[in-house]
Amino acid sequence: MATTSTTGSTLLQPLSNAVQLPIDQVNFVVCQLSALLAAIWFRTYLHSSKTSSFIRHVVATLLGLYLAFFCFGWYALHFLVQSGISYCIMIIIGVESMHNPMMIITQKITSLAYEIHDGMFRKDEELTPSQRGLAVRRMPSLLEYVSYTCNFMGILAGPLCSYKDYITFIEGRPSHMTQSSENGKEEIQHERTDPSPNAAVAEKLLVCGLSLLFHLTISNLLPVEYNIDEHFQATASWPTKATYLYISLLAARPKYYFAWTLADAINNAAGFGFRGYDRNGVARWDLISNLQIQKIEMSTSFKMFLDNWNIQTALWLKRVCYERASFSPTIQTFFLSAIWHGVYPGYYLTFLTGVLMTLAARAMRSNFRHHFINPPQLKLCYDVITWVATQITISYTVVPFVLLSVKPSFTFYSSWYYCLHICSIVVLLLLPVKKTQRGKTTHENVQLSLSKKFDERKNSLEQNNFSTTNNVCNQNQDTGSRHSSITQ
C-alpha cells in the first residue's frame, strides 16, 4: 500500500493505492495533467483577443494557487508568504535595495528583482546585451506580480520564464519573431500571429509518455544505490562498474524528462512559448524549454551536456550570478546552484566536483580538440572517445546528488579511488591555461549550462520583442528560466 504521508489532498488516495505510488507523486502528476487541460481551455476561451489581461491574470493566479493547495495543503502558504514579503520589500524599502535579499528566495523573484534593478537603477551602458533586453522599467502591479509568480502553468514545475515574456503573453501583444536564415543566423521578421501549438504539445506529450513508461518499468530495476553495494564493489570488474554507473544514471534521467517536458507542454498548450520559425518555416515552441534530450544523450563534452540540461536554470544562474560575480564566477555559480537545490550534503559534493570537472574538461578541450578536427575519420574517433568520457564523468559527478548523504557518497568515490578528482587536478596543474577576451583565465570564464548560441538567439528575440511604455500595466518581458547546468 502506498504511503499516505502528505500535507496535500488525500482525495486521490485510492488511485495512489492502485498504482502503488506515493500520494504526493500522484497529486503532482494529476495536477499537472489538470493544468494541461486548463491551459487548453485558457488559450481557447480566455485568449487575449477575447479577454482582458486583468481577467487572464486573475484566472491564472487562482488556478495556480488551487493546484498548489491541492498538492501541498497548508505548505502552499509558503508561496504566498515569500511572494508577499518580496513584494512588500519592493514597495516599502524600494527596488534599489531589494535585489540582494531576494537571492535566497525563488528563481522568479530573484530574476525579477535583478531585472527591475537593471531597468530602473543602472545605466544602459552598464548593462550587458542580455541584461538590457530583460530590464524591467516599471514596477509591476500586485496582480501582475502574483500572476507571474503563482500562475497555474508554472507553479508546480516551472519552467522559469522572464517577466517581460510572461506579461507579453498575458496581454496578447504582438511580437517580432525570428526566423533562421540559410547561413544559420536568425533574422527579425515582421509581426506574426502565434500558430497553433497542437503539434508541439502532442510531440511533447509523447515524450512524456515514453519517459514515464521507462521510469516506471526500467528505472527501478537499475538503482543508483547498487553502485555502492559491497558485493558489487568487491566482485565487479572496472568495465562492469563503469558500465553500470552509466546505465544507472541514464535510467535516473527519464523522471526529469517527464516533469520538465510536461511543464513545457502545459505552457505551450496555453499559447506561451512560441519563439519564431526555423529556416524551413516550421514553428518553434522552445522559448522556455528546459532540455534537449538528444543532445544530452549524445553529448561529447561536459559543456554540451550542461548546455542542454535544465536550460532555464542555467540561464538563471548565468544572469543572476555568473555575469555579476566580481571574482571566481565559476565557483560562485556552482555554490549558488548547490544552495538553491537544498541542504543535502550530496548536492554540495556534486557541485564541488562539478567545478573540477568543468574546468578540467574545458582545459582538455581547448588544448587538444583542434588536433582532431580533420580528417573526418579522426574526428569520428575523437567524438566516440569524448562521448564515453563525458558520459562516465557526468555520471561520476552526480552520484552524490542522487545518494544525498555524506557517507554513501564518499563510499562511492572511495570505491573509485577518487580517480576522476585526481585526474582533474592533474590536468589543471599541467595543462596551459588560455586567456579569454575578458582577460581572465579560461578556468574562471566557464559558462555554466548555457550554449552561447542559445543565449544569443534568445537575446535577439528579447531585444526586438518589446517596447517600453509609460503606463503601469505595460511592463516587460523575459528572463529565461532555471539554470542548473549541472543542477540535477
Protein backbone atom coordinates (compact mmCIF):
# COMPACT_ATOMS: atom_id res chain seq x y z
CA MET A 1 0.00 0.00 0.00
CA ALA A 2 1.34 3.42 -0.98
CA THR A 3 2.26 5.89 1.73
CA THR A 4 -0.38 8.35 2.91
CA SER A 5 2.12 10.90 4.24
CA THR A 6 1.19 14.22 2.68
CA THR A 7 0.07 17.68 3.69
CA GLY A 8 -1.94 17.96 0.47
CA SER A 9 -5.26 16.43 -0.54
CA THR A 10 -5.89 12.74 0.09
CA LEU A 11 -8.76 12.64 -2.40
CA LEU A 12 -6.66 10.53 -4.76
CA GLN A 13 -5.53 8.03 -2.12
CA PRO A 14 -7.45 5.15 -3.79
CA LEU A 15 -5.63 5.87 -7.05
CA SER A 16 -2.34 6.05 -5.14
CA ASN A 17 -3.01 2.61 -3.65
CA ALA A 18 -3.98 1.19 -7.04
CA VAL A 19 -0.83 2.32 -8.86
CA GLN A 20 1.44 1.79 -5.83
CA LEU A 21 2.90 5.29 -5.95
CA PRO A 22 3.14 7.80 -3.08
CA ILE A 23 0.15 10.11 -2.80
CA ASP A 24 2.29 13.25 -3.24
CA GLN A 25 3.56 11.96 -6.60
CA VAL A 26 0.06 11.07 -7.72
CA ASN A 27 -1.20 14.52 -6.71
CA PHE A 28 1.62 16.17 -8.66
CA VAL A 29 1.01 14.22 -11.87
CA VAL A 30 -2.78 14.64 -11.72
CA CYS A 31 -2.45 18.37 -11.05
CA GLN A 32 -0.05 18.78 -13.97
CA LEU A 33 -2.43 16.92 -16.27
CA SER A 34 -5.26 19.11 -14.98
CA ALA A 35 -3.10 22.14 -15.68
CA LEU A 36 -2.61 20.87 -19.24
CA LEU A 37 -6.39 20.72 -19.76
CA ALA A 38 -6.78 24.12 -18.11
CA ALA A 39 -4.11 25.52 -20.42
CA ILE A 40 -6.05 24.38 -23.50
CA TRP A 41 -9.23 25.96 -22.06
CA PHE A 42 -7.29 29.12 -21.18
CA ARG A 43 -6.00 29.53 -24.72
CA THR A 44 -9.37 28.71 -26.32
CA TYR A 45 -11.82 30.67 -24.17
CA LEU A 46 -9.63 33.29 -22.47
CA HIS A 47 -7.46 34.21 -25.44
CA SER A 48 -6.02 37.71 -25.29
CA SER A 49 -8.12 38.68 -28.30
CA LYS A 50 -11.31 37.86 -26.36
CA THR A 51 -10.47 38.63 -22.74
CA SER A 52 -8.81 41.48 -20.86
CA SER A 53 -5.36 40.99 -19.35
CA PHE A 54 -6.92 41.60 -15.89
CA ILE A 55 -9.16 38.53 -16.23
CA ARG A 56 -6.28 36.44 -17.60
CA HIS A 57 -4.10 37.45 -14.63
CA VAL A 58 -6.83 36.64 -12.10
CA VAL A 59 -7.71 33.25 -13.60
CA ALA A 60 -4.07 32.19 -14.00
CA THR A 61 -3.35 33.15 -10.38
CA LEU A 62 -6.41 31.48 -8.83
CA LEU A 63 -5.88 28.24 -10.75
CA GLY A 64 -2.22 28.21 -9.74
CA LEU A 65 -2.99 28.70 -6.06
CA TYR A 66 -5.67 25.99 -6.15
CA LEU A 67 -3.24 23.47 -7.64
CA ALA A 68 -0.63 24.41 -5.05
CA PHE A 69 -3.07 23.91 -2.15
CA PHE A 70 -4.26 20.60 -3.62
CA CYS A 71 -0.69 19.29 -3.86
CA PHE A 72 0.84 20.75 -0.70
CA GLY A 73 -2.04 21.78 1.59
CA TRP A 74 -1.09 24.45 4.11
CA TYR A 75 2.53 24.22 2.95
CA ALA A 76 1.35 26.17 -0.09
CA LEU A 77 1.16 29.23 2.14
CA HIS A 78 4.91 29.35 1.58
CA PHE A 79 4.21 30.56 -1.97
CA LEU A 80 2.04 33.40 -0.70
CA VAL A 81 4.30 34.33 2.21
CA GLN A 82 7.51 34.57 0.20
CA SER A 83 5.77 36.38 -2.65
CA GLY A 84 4.08 38.78 -0.24
CA ILE A 85 7.26 39.56 1.66
CA SER A 86 9.15 40.11 -1.57
CA TYR A 87 6.53 42.47 -2.94
CA CYS A 88 6.44 44.43 0.33
CA ILE A 89 10.21 44.81 0.18
CA MET A 90 9.93 46.19 -3.35
CA ILE A 91 7.22 48.68 -2.34
CA ILE A 92 8.31 49.71 1.16
CA ILE A 93 12.11 49.51 1.07
CA GLY A 94 12.43 50.40 -2.57
CA VAL A 95 13.52 48.49 -5.64
CA GLU A 96 17.03 49.89 -5.46
CA SER A 97 17.59 47.85 -2.27
CA MET A 98 15.63 44.70 -2.92
CA HIS A 99 17.79 42.77 -5.36
CA ASN A 100 20.23 41.40 -2.73
CA PRO A 101 17.82 39.83 -0.14
CA MET A 102 15.88 38.22 -2.97
CA MET A 103 18.81 35.95 -3.82
CA ILE A 104 17.70 33.40 -1.24
CA ILE A 105 14.09 33.09 -2.42
CA THR A 106 12.92 31.75 -5.76
CA GLN A 107 14.24 31.97 -9.29
CA LYS A 108 11.37 34.12 -10.46
CA ILE A 109 11.68 36.56 -7.60
CA THR A 110 15.45 36.90 -7.88
CA SER A 111 15.25 37.22 -11.66
CA LEU A 112 12.58 39.91 -11.47
CA ALA A 113 14.50 41.67 -8.69
CA TYR A 114 17.60 41.98 -10.82
CA GLU A 115 15.60 42.91 -13.93
CA ILE A 116 13.93 45.78 -12.06
CA HIS A 117 17.28 46.84 -10.61
CA ASP A 118 18.84 46.81 -14.09
CA GLY A 119 15.93 48.67 -15.63
CA MET A 120 15.43 51.38 -13.01
CA PHE A 121 18.75 51.88 -11.24
CA ARG A 122 21.51 51.18 -13.75
CA LYS A 123 22.51 52.99 -16.90
CA ASP A 124 22.08 51.18 -20.21
CA GLU A 125 25.80 51.38 -20.94
CA GLU A 126 26.50 49.45 -17.72
CA LEU A 127 24.37 46.51 -18.84
CA THR A 128 25.25 43.55 -20.99
CA PRO A 129 23.06 42.99 -24.09
CA SER A 130 21.24 40.23 -22.20
CA GLN A 131 20.59 42.43 -19.18
CA ARG A 132 19.46 45.32 -21.38
CA GLY A 133 16.96 43.15 -23.20
CA LEU A 134 15.49 41.81 -19.95
CA ALA A 135 15.45 45.06 -17.97
CA VAL A 136 12.08 45.97 -16.43
CA ARG A 137 11.49 49.72 -16.47
CA ARG A 138 8.41 49.97 -14.24
CA MET A 139 7.27 48.36 -11.00
CA PRO A 140 4.76 45.53 -11.55
CA SER A 141 1.32 45.86 -10.02
CA LEU A 142 0.46 43.42 -7.24
CA LEU A 143 -1.82 41.41 -9.56
CA GLU A 144 0.84 41.19 -12.27
CA TYR A 145 3.45 40.17 -9.73
CA VAL A 146 1.34 37.41 -8.13
CA SER A 147 0.19 36.19 -11.55
CA TYR A 148 3.82 35.93 -12.71
CA THR A 149 4.99 34.05 -9.62
CA CYS A 150 1.93 31.84 -8.96
CA ASN A 151 0.22 31.18 -12.32
CA PHE A 152 -1.15 27.68 -12.86
CA MET A 153 1.13 26.97 -15.83
CA GLY A 154 4.36 27.06 -13.84
CA ILE A 155 3.62 26.98 -10.11
CA LEU A 156 4.36 23.26 -9.70
CA ALA A 157 7.29 22.59 -12.03
CA GLY A 158 8.16 25.78 -13.90
CA PRO A 159 9.92 26.33 -16.16
CA LEU A 160 11.27 29.77 -15.37
CA CYS A 161 10.29 32.47 -17.83
CA SER A 162 11.17 36.14 -17.85
CA TYR A 163 8.70 38.67 -16.55
CA LYS A 164 8.64 40.50 -19.89
CA ASP A 165 7.83 37.34 -21.85
CA TYR A 166 5.04 36.45 -19.42
CA ILE A 167 3.42 39.90 -19.48
CA THR A 168 3.58 40.00 -23.28
CA PHE A 169 1.84 36.62 -23.40
CA ILE A 170 -0.89 37.64 -20.93
CA GLU A 171 -1.57 40.97 -22.64
CA GLY A 172 -1.51 39.37 -26.08
CA ARG A 173 0.81 41.98 -27.51
CA PRO A 174 2.18 41.20 -30.98
CA SER A 175 5.88 40.48 -31.09
CA HIS A 176 8.62 40.44 -33.67
CA MET A 177 9.53 36.82 -34.28
CA THR A 178 12.80 35.36 -35.51
CA GLN A 179 13.45 33.01 -38.39
CA SER A 180 16.63 31.13 -39.19
CA SER A 181 18.21 32.08 -42.49
CA GLU A 182 20.29 29.84 -44.73
CA ASN A 183 23.53 30.93 -43.10
CA GLY A 184 22.22 29.77 -39.72
CA LYS A 185 21.73 33.25 -38.29
CA GLU A 186 18.38 34.44 -37.07
CA GLU A 187 16.73 37.45 -38.63
CA ILE A 188 13.96 39.57 -37.16
CA GLN A 189 10.74 39.25 -39.12
CA HIS A 190 7.50 41.15 -39.25
CA GLU A 191 4.88 40.64 -36.59
CA ARG A 192 3.06 37.34 -36.88
CA THR A 193 0.20 35.73 -35.08
CA ASP A 194 1.25 32.74 -32.99
CA PRO A 195 0.49 29.47 -34.78
CA SER A 196 -1.37 26.58 -33.22
CA PRO A 197 0.71 24.78 -30.56
CA ASN A 198 -1.17 21.49 -31.00
CA ALA A 199 1.59 19.68 -32.89
CA ALA A 200 4.28 20.78 -30.43
CA VAL A 201 2.12 19.82 -27.45
CA ALA A 202 1.32 16.40 -28.94
CA GLU A 203 5.02 15.71 -29.58
CA LYS A 204 5.98 16.70 -26.04
CA LEU A 205 3.21 14.61 -24.53
CA LEU A 206 4.52 11.62 -26.48
CA VAL A 207 7.96 12.22 -24.95
CA CYS A 208 6.30 12.47 -21.52
CA GLY A 209 4.52 9.15 -22.02
CA LEU A 210 7.66 7.34 -23.10
CA SER A 211 9.70 8.87 -20.27
CA LEU A 212 7.11 7.91 -17.68
CA LEU A 213 6.86 4.38 -19.06
CA PHE A 214 10.66 4.00 -18.93
CA HIS A 215 10.76 5.36 -15.38
CA LEU A 216 8.03 3.02 -14.12
CA THR A 217 9.35 -0.12 -15.82
CA ILE A 218 13.13 0.20 -16.08
CA SER A 219 14.44 2.78 -13.62
CA ASN A 220 13.57 0.77 -10.50
CA LEU A 221 15.49 -2.20 -11.88
CA LEU A 222 18.71 -0.16 -12.08
CA PRO A 223 19.06 1.70 -8.76
CA VAL A 224 21.95 4.11 -8.40
CA GLU A 225 22.45 2.77 -4.86
CA TYR A 226 23.72 -0.54 -6.29
CA ASN A 227 26.94 1.30 -7.23
CA ILE A 228 27.90 1.21 -3.52
CA ASP A 229 26.73 -2.34 -2.84
CA GLU A 230 29.55 -4.13 -1.03
CA HIS A 231 29.27 -7.34 -3.04
CA PHE A 232 29.15 -5.42 -6.32
CA GLN A 233 32.20 -3.36 -5.37
CA ALA A 234 34.14 -6.45 -4.33
CA THR A 235 33.37 -8.64 -7.34
CA ALA A 236 32.70 -6.37 -10.32
CA SER A 237 35.45 -5.57 -12.80
CA TRP A 238 36.25 -1.96 -13.71
CA PRO A 239 34.47 -2.16 -17.10
CA THR A 240 31.42 -3.57 -15.34
CA LYS A 241 31.49 -0.81 -12.73
CA ALA A 242 31.80 1.89 -15.37
CA THR A 243 29.02 0.38 -17.49
CA TYR A 244 26.61 0.06 -14.58
CA LEU A 245 27.44 3.58 -13.40
CA TYR A 246 26.47 4.97 -16.79
CA ILE A 247 23.34 2.83 -17.19
CA SER A 248 22.03 3.52 -13.66
CA LEU A 249 22.37 7.29 -14.10
CA LEU A 250 20.86 7.04 -17.58
CA ALA A 251 17.87 5.28 -16.01
CA ALA A 252 17.55 8.06 -13.42
CA ARG A 253 17.04 10.81 -16.01
CA PRO A 254 13.58 9.98 -17.51
CA LYS A 255 11.72 11.29 -14.44
CA TYR A 256 13.27 14.69 -15.10
CA TYR A 257 12.47 14.40 -18.80
CA PHE A 258 8.86 13.67 -17.88
CA ALA A 259 8.42 16.53 -15.41
CA TRP A 260 10.17 19.22 -17.46
CA THR A 261 8.64 18.24 -20.80
CA LEU A 262 5.14 18.11 -19.30
CA ALA A 263 5.66 21.56 -17.78
CA ASP A 264 6.77 22.87 -21.17
CA ALA A 265 3.73 21.29 -22.86
CA ILE A 266 1.37 22.93 -20.37
CA ASN A 267 2.75 26.38 -21.18
CA ASN A 268 2.61 25.67 -24.91
CA ALA A 269 -0.99 24.47 -24.65
CA ALA A 270 -1.88 27.84 -23.12
CA GLY A 271 -0.18 29.58 -26.06
CA PHE A 272 3.03 30.51 -24.23
CA GLY A 273 6.49 29.56 -25.51
CA PHE A 274 6.46 30.43 -29.22
CA ARG A 275 9.90 31.63 -30.33
CA GLY A 276 9.55 32.01 -34.08
CA TYR A 277 10.26 29.91 -37.15
CA ASP A 278 13.24 27.86 -38.26
CA ARG A 279 14.81 28.13 -41.71
CA ASN A 280 12.15 25.80 -43.11
CA GLY A 281 9.31 27.91 -41.75
CA VAL A 282 8.43 25.41 -39.01
CA ALA A 283 7.10 26.94 -35.80
CA ARG A 284 9.45 26.68 -32.81
CA TRP A 285 7.80 26.29 -29.42
CA ASP A 286 11.02 26.22 -27.39
CA LEU A 287 11.18 29.72 -25.85
CA ILE A 288 11.14 28.31 -22.31
CA SER A 289 12.10 24.68 -22.99
CA ASN A 290 14.27 23.18 -20.28
CA LEU A 291 16.15 20.42 -22.07
CA GLN A 292 17.13 18.86 -25.40
CA ILE A 293 17.17 15.13 -24.82
CA GLN A 294 19.01 14.06 -27.96
CA LYS A 295 21.87 16.48 -27.34
CA ILE A 296 22.05 15.43 -23.69
CA GLU A 297 22.39 11.75 -24.50
CA MET A 298 24.83 12.35 -27.37
CA SER A 299 27.00 14.91 -25.59
CA THR A 300 30.68 14.75 -26.46
CA SER A 301 31.74 17.37 -23.92
CA PHE A 302 30.90 18.38 -20.38
CA LYS A 303 29.77 21.77 -21.66
CA MET A 304 27.46 20.29 -24.28
CA PHE A 305 25.71 18.24 -21.60
CA LEU A 306 25.30 21.24 -19.31
CA ASP A 307 24.15 23.48 -22.16
CA ASN A 308 21.16 21.22 -22.81
CA TRP A 309 20.23 20.10 -19.28
CA ASN A 310 17.91 22.30 -17.20
CA ILE A 311 18.47 25.15 -19.64
CA GLN A 312 16.36 27.76 -17.88
CA THR A 313 18.10 27.21 -14.55
CA ALA A 314 21.42 27.53 -16.35
CA LEU A 315 20.25 30.86 -17.76
CA TRP A 316 19.14 31.99 -14.31
CA LEU A 317 22.48 31.14 -12.70
CA LYS A 318 24.34 32.83 -15.52
CA ARG A 319 22.30 36.02 -15.29
CA VAL A 320 21.97 36.47 -11.54
CA CYS A 321 25.40 35.17 -10.54
CA TYR A 322 27.97 34.41 -13.23
CA GLU A 323 27.66 37.71 -15.11
CA ARG A 324 27.63 39.70 -11.86
CA ALA A 325 30.38 37.93 -9.91
CA SER A 326 33.43 40.11 -9.26
CA PHE A 327 35.78 37.13 -8.80
CA SER A 328 35.79 33.36 -9.41
CA PRO A 329 32.44 33.35 -11.23
CA THR A 330 32.54 29.62 -11.89
CA ILE A 331 32.98 28.69 -8.24
CA GLN A 332 30.38 31.20 -7.08
CA THR A 333 27.88 29.94 -9.65
CA PHE A 334 28.29 26.30 -8.66
CA PHE A 335 27.99 27.24 -4.99
CA LEU A 336 24.78 29.19 -5.62
CA SER A 337 23.42 26.22 -7.54
CA ALA A 338 24.11 23.95 -4.57
CA ILE A 339 22.46 26.35 -2.12
CA TRP A 340 19.42 26.72 -4.40
CA HIS A 341 18.92 22.96 -4.55
CA GLY A 342 18.73 22.48 -0.80
CA VAL A 343 20.60 21.34 2.30
CA TYR A 344 21.61 17.76 1.44
CA PRO A 345 25.40 17.29 1.57
CA GLY A 346 25.26 15.31 -1.65
CA TYR A 347 24.30 18.46 -3.55
CA TYR A 348 27.44 20.23 -2.37
CA LEU A 349 29.65 17.26 -3.17
CA THR A 350 28.21 17.14 -6.69
CA PHE A 351 28.72 20.83 -7.37
CA LEU A 352 32.18 20.97 -5.85
CA THR A 353 33.12 18.01 -8.02
CA GLY A 354 31.42 19.78 -10.90
CA VAL A 355 33.77 22.75 -10.56
CA LEU A 356 36.78 20.49 -11.01
CA MET A 357 35.24 18.55 -13.89
CA THR A 358 34.08 21.66 -15.72
CA LEU A 359 37.44 23.41 -15.52
CA ALA A 360 39.40 20.27 -16.43
CA ALA A 361 37.10 19.45 -19.34
CA ARG A 362 37.45 23.00 -20.68
CA ALA A 363 41.24 22.81 -20.39
CA MET A 364 41.38 19.44 -22.17
CA ARG A 365 39.09 20.58 -24.96
CA SER A 366 40.90 23.86 -25.60
CA ASN A 367 44.30 22.16 -25.69
CA PHE A 368 43.54 19.05 -27.74
CA ARG A 369 40.35 19.29 -29.77
CA HIS A 370 41.83 21.31 -32.67
CA HIS A 371 44.24 18.45 -33.36
CA PHE A 372 41.37 16.07 -34.18
CA ILE A 373 39.14 18.10 -36.49
CA ASN A 374 40.41 16.56 -39.74
CA PRO A 375 40.18 14.11 -41.40
CA PRO A 376 36.54 13.11 -40.68
CA GLN A 377 37.57 9.61 -39.62
CA LEU A 378 39.85 11.05 -36.95
CA LYS A 379 37.13 13.38 -35.71
CA LEU A 380 34.67 10.48 -35.52
CA CYS A 381 37.13 8.54 -33.39
CA TYR A 382 37.63 11.61 -31.20
CA ASP A 383 33.87 12.06 -30.82
CA VAL A 384 33.37 8.46 -29.76
CA ILE A 385 36.11 8.69 -27.14
CA THR A 386 34.89 12.02 -25.80
CA TRP A 387 31.29 10.73 -25.68
CA VAL A 388 32.35 7.83 -23.48
CA ALA A 389 34.49 10.10 -21.29
CA THR A 390 31.71 12.69 -20.96
CA GLN A 391 29.01 10.19 -20.00
CA ILE A 392 31.19 8.49 -17.40
CA THR A 393 32.35 11.83 -15.97
CA ILE A 394 28.83 13.21 -15.72
CA SER A 395 27.62 10.01 -14.05
CA TYR A 396 30.56 10.04 -11.62
CA THR A 397 29.87 13.67 -10.74
CA VAL A 398 26.15 13.39 -10.00
CA VAL A 399 26.09 10.19 -7.93
CA PRO A 400 26.13 12.17 -4.63
CA PHE A 401 23.23 14.24 -5.96
CA VAL A 402 21.16 11.07 -6.05
CA LEU A 403 22.53 9.46 -2.87
CA LEU A 404 22.15 12.75 -0.91
CA SER A 405 24.06 11.71 2.23
CA VAL A 406 27.76 12.09 3.01
CA LYS A 407 28.65 8.51 3.91
CA PRO A 408 27.26 6.73 0.81
CA SER A 409 28.69 9.49 -1.40
CA PHE A 410 32.19 9.06 -0.03
CA THR A 411 31.75 5.28 -0.15
CA PHE A 412 31.16 5.59 -3.88
CA TYR A 413 34.05 7.96 -4.53
CA SER A 414 36.44 5.89 -2.42
CA SER A 415 35.43 2.76 -4.35
CA TRP A 416 36.63 4.60 -7.45
CA TYR A 417 39.74 5.80 -5.57
CA TYR A 418 38.73 9.40 -6.35
CA CYS A 419 40.30 8.77 -9.72
CA LEU A 420 38.45 11.45 -11.70
CA HIS A 421 39.06 14.03 -8.98
CA ILE A 422 42.77 13.26 -9.14
CA CYS A 423 42.83 13.31 -12.94
CA SER A 424 41.08 16.69 -13.00
CA ILE A 425 43.56 18.22 -10.57
CA VAL A 426 46.50 16.85 -12.59
CA VAL A 427 45.00 18.30 -15.79
CA LEU A 428 44.58 21.72 -14.19
CA LEU A 429 48.15 21.67 -12.88
CA LEU A 430 49.81 20.50 -16.09
CA LEU A 431 47.89 21.99 -19.00
CA PRO A 432 48.36 25.63 -20.00
CA VAL A 433 45.51 27.97 -19.20
CA LYS A 434 44.45 30.10 -22.13
CA LYS A 435 43.36 33.69 -21.75
CA THR A 436 39.91 34.92 -22.70
CA GLN A 437 38.82 38.23 -24.15
CA ARG A 438 37.89 39.40 -20.68
CA GLY A 439 41.47 38.85 -19.63
CA LYS A 440 40.52 36.10 -17.24
CA THR A 441 41.64 32.53 -17.42
CA THR A 442 39.63 30.00 -19.30
CA HIS A 443 39.15 28.25 -15.99
CA GLU A 444 37.42 31.26 -14.49
CA ASN A 445 35.40 32.06 -17.57
CA VAL A 446 33.46 28.80 -17.84
CA GLN A 447 29.88 29.43 -18.88
CA LEU A 448 27.70 27.03 -16.97
CA SER A 449 24.88 25.30 -18.71
CA LEU A 450 24.13 27.66 -21.49
CA SER A 451 25.25 27.48 -25.02
CA LYS A 452 26.31 30.83 -26.38
CA LYS A 453 24.24 30.30 -29.47
CA PHE A 454 21.11 29.59 -27.43
CA ASP A 455 21.54 32.75 -25.35
CA GLU A 456 22.31 34.96 -28.37
CA ARG A 457 19.18 33.74 -30.12
CA LYS A 458 17.13 34.42 -27.01
CA ASN A 459 18.60 37.90 -26.58
CA SER A 460 17.95 38.70 -30.22
CA LEU A 461 14.32 37.82 -29.73
CA GLU A 462 14.05 39.60 -26.41
CA GLN A 463 15.58 42.87 -27.55
CA ASN A 464 13.32 43.13 -30.56
CA ASN A 465 10.22 41.69 -29.00
CA PHE A 466 9.11 44.51 -26.80
CA SER A 467 8.96 48.25 -26.43
CA THR A 468 8.96 50.12 -23.15
CA THR A 469 5.88 52.24 -22.48
CA ASN A 470 4.91 54.58 -19.70
CA ASN A 471 1.76 53.05 -18.26
CA VAL A 472 1.52 50.92 -15.12
CA CYS A 473 0.24 47.80 -16.85
CA ASN A 474 2.72 47.90 -19.71
CA GLN A 475 5.62 46.09 -18.12
CA ASN A 476 8.12 43.86 -19.72
CA GLN A 477 9.41 40.60 -20.91
CA ASP A 478 11.62 37.70 -20.23
CA THR A 479 14.36 36.40 -18.08
CA GLY A 480 14.79 32.96 -19.38
CA SER A 481 14.42 30.43 -16.71
CA ARG A 482 16.01 27.94 -14.46
CA HIS A 483 19.69 27.24 -14.79
CA SER A 484 21.08 24.31 -13.37
CA SER A 485 23.54 23.38 -15.66
CA ILE A 486 24.95 20.78 -13.58
CA THR A 487 21.89 21.02 -11.49
CA GLN A 488 20.14 17.75 -11.01
